[in-house]
Every structure is written in structure tokens, then in C-alpha cells.
N, C-alpha and C. Protein backbone atom coordinates (compact mmCIF):
# COMPACT_ATOMS: atom_id res chain seq x y z
N MET A 1 23.12 170.35 -2.06
CA MET A 1 24.44 170.55 -1.52
C MET A 1 24.56 169.77 -0.21
N ASN A 2 25.76 169.39 0.09
CA ASN A 2 26.04 168.60 1.27
C ASN A 2 25.77 169.42 2.53
N PRO A 3 25.03 168.89 3.50
CA PRO A 3 24.73 169.64 4.73
C PRO A 3 25.99 170.02 5.51
N LYS A 4 27.02 169.18 5.41
CA LYS A 4 28.26 169.48 6.11
C LYS A 4 28.89 170.77 5.55
N TYR A 5 28.85 170.92 4.22
CA TYR A 5 29.39 172.13 3.59
C TYR A 5 28.57 173.36 3.97
N ILE A 6 27.28 173.18 4.07
CA ILE A 6 26.41 174.30 4.48
C ILE A 6 26.74 174.73 5.91
N GLU A 7 26.93 173.74 6.77
CA GLU A 7 27.28 174.05 8.17
C GLU A 7 28.64 174.75 8.23
N LEU A 8 29.62 174.27 7.46
CA LEU A 8 30.94 174.89 7.44
C LEU A 8 30.87 176.32 6.90
N ALA A 9 30.08 176.54 5.86
CA ALA A 9 29.93 177.87 5.30
C ALA A 9 29.27 178.81 6.31
N THR A 10 28.32 178.32 7.05
CA THR A 10 27.64 179.12 8.07
C THR A 10 28.62 179.49 9.18
N ARG A 11 29.40 178.50 9.64
CA ARG A 11 30.39 178.77 10.68
C ARG A 11 31.45 179.75 10.18
N HIS A 12 31.84 179.58 8.92
CA HIS A 12 32.83 180.48 8.33
C HIS A 12 32.31 181.92 8.32
N GLY A 13 31.08 182.10 7.93
CA GLY A 13 30.48 183.44 7.91
C GLY A 13 30.40 184.03 9.31
N ALA A 14 30.02 183.21 10.29
CA ALA A 14 29.92 183.70 11.66
C ALA A 14 31.30 184.08 12.20
N LEU A 15 32.30 183.28 11.89
CA LEU A 15 33.65 183.58 12.34
C LEU A 15 34.18 184.86 11.69
N LYS A 16 33.90 185.04 10.41
CA LYS A 16 34.33 186.28 9.73
C LYS A 16 33.67 187.50 10.35
N ALA A 17 32.40 187.38 10.70
CA ALA A 17 31.70 188.50 11.33
C ALA A 17 32.31 188.79 12.71
N ARG A 18 32.64 187.75 13.44
CA ARG A 18 33.25 187.92 14.76
C ARG A 18 34.63 188.57 14.64
N ILE A 19 35.41 188.15 13.65
CA ILE A 19 36.73 188.73 13.42
C ILE A 19 36.61 190.21 13.06
N ASP A 20 35.66 190.54 12.22
CA ASP A 20 35.45 191.94 11.84
C ASP A 20 35.12 192.80 13.06
N GLU A 21 34.28 192.29 13.93
CA GLU A 21 33.91 193.02 15.15
C GLU A 21 35.12 193.19 16.06
N GLN A 22 35.94 192.14 16.18
CA GLN A 22 37.14 192.24 17.01
C GLN A 22 38.11 193.27 16.44
N ARG A 23 38.23 193.32 15.13
CA ARG A 23 39.11 194.32 14.50
C ARG A 23 38.62 195.74 14.77
N ARG A 24 37.32 195.94 14.68
CA ARG A 24 36.76 197.27 14.97
C ARG A 24 37.00 197.65 16.43
N THR A 25 36.82 196.70 17.34
CA THR A 25 37.05 196.97 18.76
C THR A 25 38.52 197.30 19.02
N LEU A 26 39.41 196.54 18.41
CA LEU A 26 40.84 196.80 18.57
C LEU A 26 41.21 198.17 18.03
N ALA A 27 40.65 198.55 16.90
CA ALA A 27 40.93 199.86 16.32
C ALA A 27 40.45 200.98 17.25
N ARG A 28 39.29 200.80 17.87
CA ARG A 28 38.77 201.81 18.81
C ARG A 28 39.68 201.93 20.03
N HIS A 29 40.19 200.81 20.53
CA HIS A 29 41.05 200.84 21.71
C HIS A 29 42.45 201.37 21.39
N ALA A 30 42.87 201.29 20.16
CA ALA A 30 44.22 201.73 19.78
C ALA A 30 44.31 203.22 19.50
N VAL A 31 43.20 203.91 19.38
CA VAL A 31 43.22 205.34 19.06
C VAL A 31 44.02 206.16 20.07
N PRO A 32 43.87 205.96 21.38
CA PRO A 32 44.66 206.77 22.32
C PRO A 32 46.16 206.53 22.22
N LEU A 33 46.56 205.40 21.72
CA LEU A 33 47.99 205.09 21.62
C LEU A 33 48.66 205.76 20.42
N GLU A 34 47.87 206.24 19.47
CA GLU A 34 48.45 206.80 18.25
C GLU A 34 49.34 208.01 18.54
N ALA A 35 48.94 208.88 19.44
CA ALA A 35 49.74 210.07 19.75
C ALA A 35 51.07 209.67 20.38
N ALA A 36 51.02 208.72 21.31
CA ALA A 36 52.26 208.26 21.94
C ALA A 36 53.18 207.59 20.93
N MET A 37 52.60 206.82 20.04
CA MET A 37 53.41 206.16 19.02
C MET A 37 54.02 207.18 18.07
N ALA A 38 53.29 208.24 17.76
CA ALA A 38 53.82 209.28 16.88
C ALA A 38 55.01 209.98 17.54
N ARG A 39 54.90 210.24 18.85
CA ARG A 39 56.03 210.84 19.56
C ARG A 39 57.23 209.91 19.57
N GLY A 40 56.98 208.64 19.79
CA GLY A 40 58.06 207.66 19.75
C GLY A 40 58.74 207.60 18.40
N ASP A 41 57.95 207.68 17.34
CA ASP A 41 58.51 207.70 15.99
C ASP A 41 59.38 208.93 15.78
N ALA A 42 58.93 210.07 16.29
CA ALA A 42 59.72 211.30 16.15
C ALA A 42 61.05 211.17 16.88
N VAL A 43 61.03 210.58 18.06
CA VAL A 43 62.27 210.39 18.81
C VAL A 43 63.21 209.45 18.05
N LEU A 44 62.67 208.38 17.50
CA LEU A 44 63.50 207.44 16.74
C LEU A 44 64.09 208.10 15.50
N LYS A 45 63.32 208.96 14.85
CA LYS A 45 63.86 209.69 13.70
C LYS A 45 65.01 210.60 14.13
N GLY A 46 64.87 211.24 15.28
CA GLY A 46 65.94 212.09 15.79
C GLY A 46 67.20 211.29 16.11
N VAL A 47 67.02 210.13 16.72
CA VAL A 47 68.17 209.27 17.02
C VAL A 47 68.82 208.80 15.73
N ASP A 48 68.01 208.47 14.75
CA ASP A 48 68.56 208.04 13.46
C ASP A 48 69.36 209.16 12.81
N TRP A 49 68.85 210.39 12.90
CA TRP A 49 69.57 211.53 12.34
C TRP A 49 70.91 211.70 13.05
N LEU A 50 70.91 211.57 14.37
CA LEU A 50 72.15 211.71 15.13
C LEU A 50 73.16 210.63 14.74
N LYS A 51 72.68 209.42 14.49
CA LYS A 51 73.58 208.35 14.07
C LYS A 51 74.23 208.65 12.73
N HIS A 52 73.49 209.30 11.84
CA HIS A 52 74.00 209.58 10.51
C HIS A 52 74.77 210.90 10.42
N HIS A 53 74.74 211.71 11.47
CA HIS A 53 75.42 213.00 11.46
C HIS A 53 76.25 213.17 12.75
N PRO A 54 77.21 212.31 13.00
CA PRO A 54 77.99 212.43 14.24
C PRO A 54 78.85 213.70 14.26
N ALA A 55 79.25 214.20 13.11
CA ALA A 55 80.06 215.41 13.07
C ALA A 55 79.28 216.60 13.62
N ALA A 56 78.00 216.67 13.33
CA ALA A 56 77.18 217.77 13.83
C ALA A 56 77.11 217.73 15.36
N VAL A 57 77.01 216.55 15.92
CA VAL A 57 76.98 216.42 17.37
C VAL A 57 78.32 216.85 17.95
N GLY A 58 79.41 216.41 17.33
CA GLY A 58 80.73 216.78 17.81
C GLY A 58 80.96 218.28 17.75
N VAL A 59 80.54 218.91 16.67
CA VAL A 59 80.68 220.36 16.54
C VAL A 59 79.86 221.08 17.60
N ALA A 60 78.66 220.61 17.85
CA ALA A 60 77.81 221.25 18.86
C ALA A 60 78.44 221.14 20.25
N VAL A 61 78.98 219.99 20.58
CA VAL A 61 79.65 219.82 21.88
C VAL A 61 80.88 220.72 21.95
N PHE A 62 81.66 220.74 20.88
CA PHE A 62 82.87 221.56 20.85
C PHE A 62 82.53 223.04 21.04
N VAL A 63 81.55 223.51 20.33
CA VAL A 63 81.17 224.93 20.43
C VAL A 63 80.67 225.24 21.84
N THR A 64 79.92 224.36 22.41
CA THR A 64 79.41 224.57 23.76
C THR A 64 80.55 224.65 24.77
N VAL A 65 81.49 223.74 24.66
CA VAL A 65 82.60 223.72 25.61
C VAL A 65 83.49 224.95 25.42
N VAL A 66 83.75 225.33 24.19
CA VAL A 66 84.61 226.49 23.93
C VAL A 66 83.91 227.78 24.35
N ALA A 67 82.64 227.89 24.06
CA ALA A 67 81.91 229.12 24.35
C ALA A 67 81.72 229.32 25.86
N ARG A 68 81.29 228.32 26.52
CA ARG A 68 81.00 228.42 27.95
C ARG A 68 81.42 227.12 28.67
N PRO A 69 82.68 226.94 28.97
CA PRO A 69 83.11 225.68 29.58
C PRO A 69 82.47 225.43 30.94
N ARG A 70 82.33 226.47 31.75
CA ARG A 70 81.74 226.27 33.07
C ARG A 70 80.29 225.80 32.95
N ARG A 71 79.56 226.44 32.03
CA ARG A 71 78.17 226.06 31.81
C ARG A 71 78.08 224.62 31.27
N ALA A 72 79.01 224.26 30.39
CA ALA A 72 79.01 222.91 29.83
C ALA A 72 79.22 221.87 30.93
N TRP A 73 80.16 222.13 31.83
CA TRP A 73 80.39 221.19 32.92
C TRP A 73 79.17 221.09 33.84
N ARG A 74 78.54 222.23 34.08
CA ARG A 74 77.34 222.23 34.93
C ARG A 74 76.24 221.39 34.30
N TRP A 75 76.02 221.55 33.00
CA TRP A 75 75.00 220.76 32.32
C TRP A 75 75.38 219.28 32.27
N ALA A 76 76.67 218.99 32.13
CA ALA A 76 77.11 217.60 32.14
C ALA A 76 76.83 216.94 33.49
N ARG A 77 77.09 217.68 34.56
CA ARG A 77 76.80 217.13 35.89
C ARG A 77 75.30 216.90 36.06
N ARG A 78 74.48 217.84 35.60
CA ARG A 78 73.03 217.67 35.69
C ARG A 78 72.57 216.45 34.89
N GLY A 79 73.16 216.32 33.71
CA GLY A 79 72.80 215.16 32.88
C GLY A 79 73.16 213.85 33.55
N LEU A 80 74.33 213.80 34.18
CA LEU A 80 74.74 212.59 34.88
C LEU A 80 73.80 212.32 36.04
N PHE A 81 73.43 213.36 36.76
CA PHE A 81 72.50 213.22 37.88
C PHE A 81 71.16 212.68 37.38
N LEU A 82 70.66 213.25 36.28
CA LEU A 82 69.38 212.79 35.73
C LEU A 82 69.48 211.36 35.24
N TRP A 83 70.60 211.01 34.62
CA TRP A 83 70.79 209.64 34.12
C TRP A 83 70.79 208.65 35.28
N ARG A 84 71.50 208.96 36.33
CA ARG A 84 71.52 208.06 37.50
C ARG A 84 70.14 207.95 38.12
N GLY A 85 69.43 209.07 38.18
CA GLY A 85 68.06 209.02 38.71
C GLY A 85 67.15 208.16 37.85
N TRP A 86 67.28 208.30 36.52
CA TRP A 86 66.48 207.48 35.62
C TRP A 86 66.80 206.00 35.81
N LEU A 87 68.07 205.66 35.94
CA LEU A 87 68.45 204.26 36.14
C LEU A 87 67.87 203.72 37.45
N ALA A 88 67.91 204.52 38.49
CA ALA A 88 67.36 204.10 39.78
C ALA A 88 65.86 203.85 39.69
N ILE A 89 65.16 204.76 39.01
CA ILE A 89 63.70 204.60 38.85
C ILE A 89 63.41 203.37 38.02
N ARG A 90 64.11 203.23 36.89
CA ARG A 90 63.87 202.10 36.00
C ARG A 90 64.15 200.79 36.71
N ASN A 91 65.25 200.71 37.43
CA ASN A 91 65.61 199.48 38.11
C ASN A 91 64.62 199.14 39.22
N SER A 92 64.10 200.16 39.89
CA SER A 92 63.12 199.88 40.94
C SER A 92 61.79 199.41 40.34
N LEU A 93 61.46 199.90 39.13
CA LEU A 93 60.21 199.49 38.49
C LEU A 93 60.29 198.07 37.97
N ILE A 94 61.45 197.66 37.43
CA ILE A 94 61.54 196.32 36.88
C ILE A 94 62.09 195.32 37.87
N GLY A 95 62.47 195.79 39.06
CA GLY A 95 62.87 194.88 40.12
C GLY A 95 64.33 194.47 40.08
N VAL A 96 65.19 195.24 39.43
CA VAL A 96 66.62 194.93 39.41
C VAL A 96 67.23 195.47 40.68
N ARG A 97 68.06 194.69 41.30
CA ARG A 97 68.69 195.14 42.55
C ARG A 97 70.18 195.10 42.41
């Protein structure tokens, strides 16, 4: 057999072994991220459900406002406060001014 082919086959085997080791290392490092990714998936599923069921959201808001309007306004103000705080934190982290 041609020595060049033998050398290429040897290099190919060494590269495959190196790739396998890198894949194992990457899999070990990715384990802590699995829980966070699962939570993110759950949030995305919830958002998707809300997109497909806007009437349910409207009914929930309506019932809240009718049942306790003062409480609804109080929660709306808190939500606005939290949203503005989140925007301020996010903008300071990414450097938007």
C-alpha cells in the first residue's frame, strides 16, 4: 500500500480520536446548563400557549379588574416599576445609554 495513504489513514484515526475526546469534554461541560435550558424551554412553552390562547389572558385580566380593581391597579403599577427596573439593569449591563 502507498505510504502516503497509510500516513493519511493514521492522521485520520488520530483526528477522530481527538474529536471524540472533545465531544466527551463538551458533554461534561454542558451538564450544568441542562437545568437552565429546561427552565428556558418551559418559559417558551408558556409564552407559546399564551400566544395561542389570547382569550384566556383577556378573561383573566377582565376578571381581575372586575373583582378587585384597586388591587389590579396596584399590581399594574408594581409591574411597571419592575419593568422599568429591568430595563435599567439590562441597559446598564449591555452599555446602552
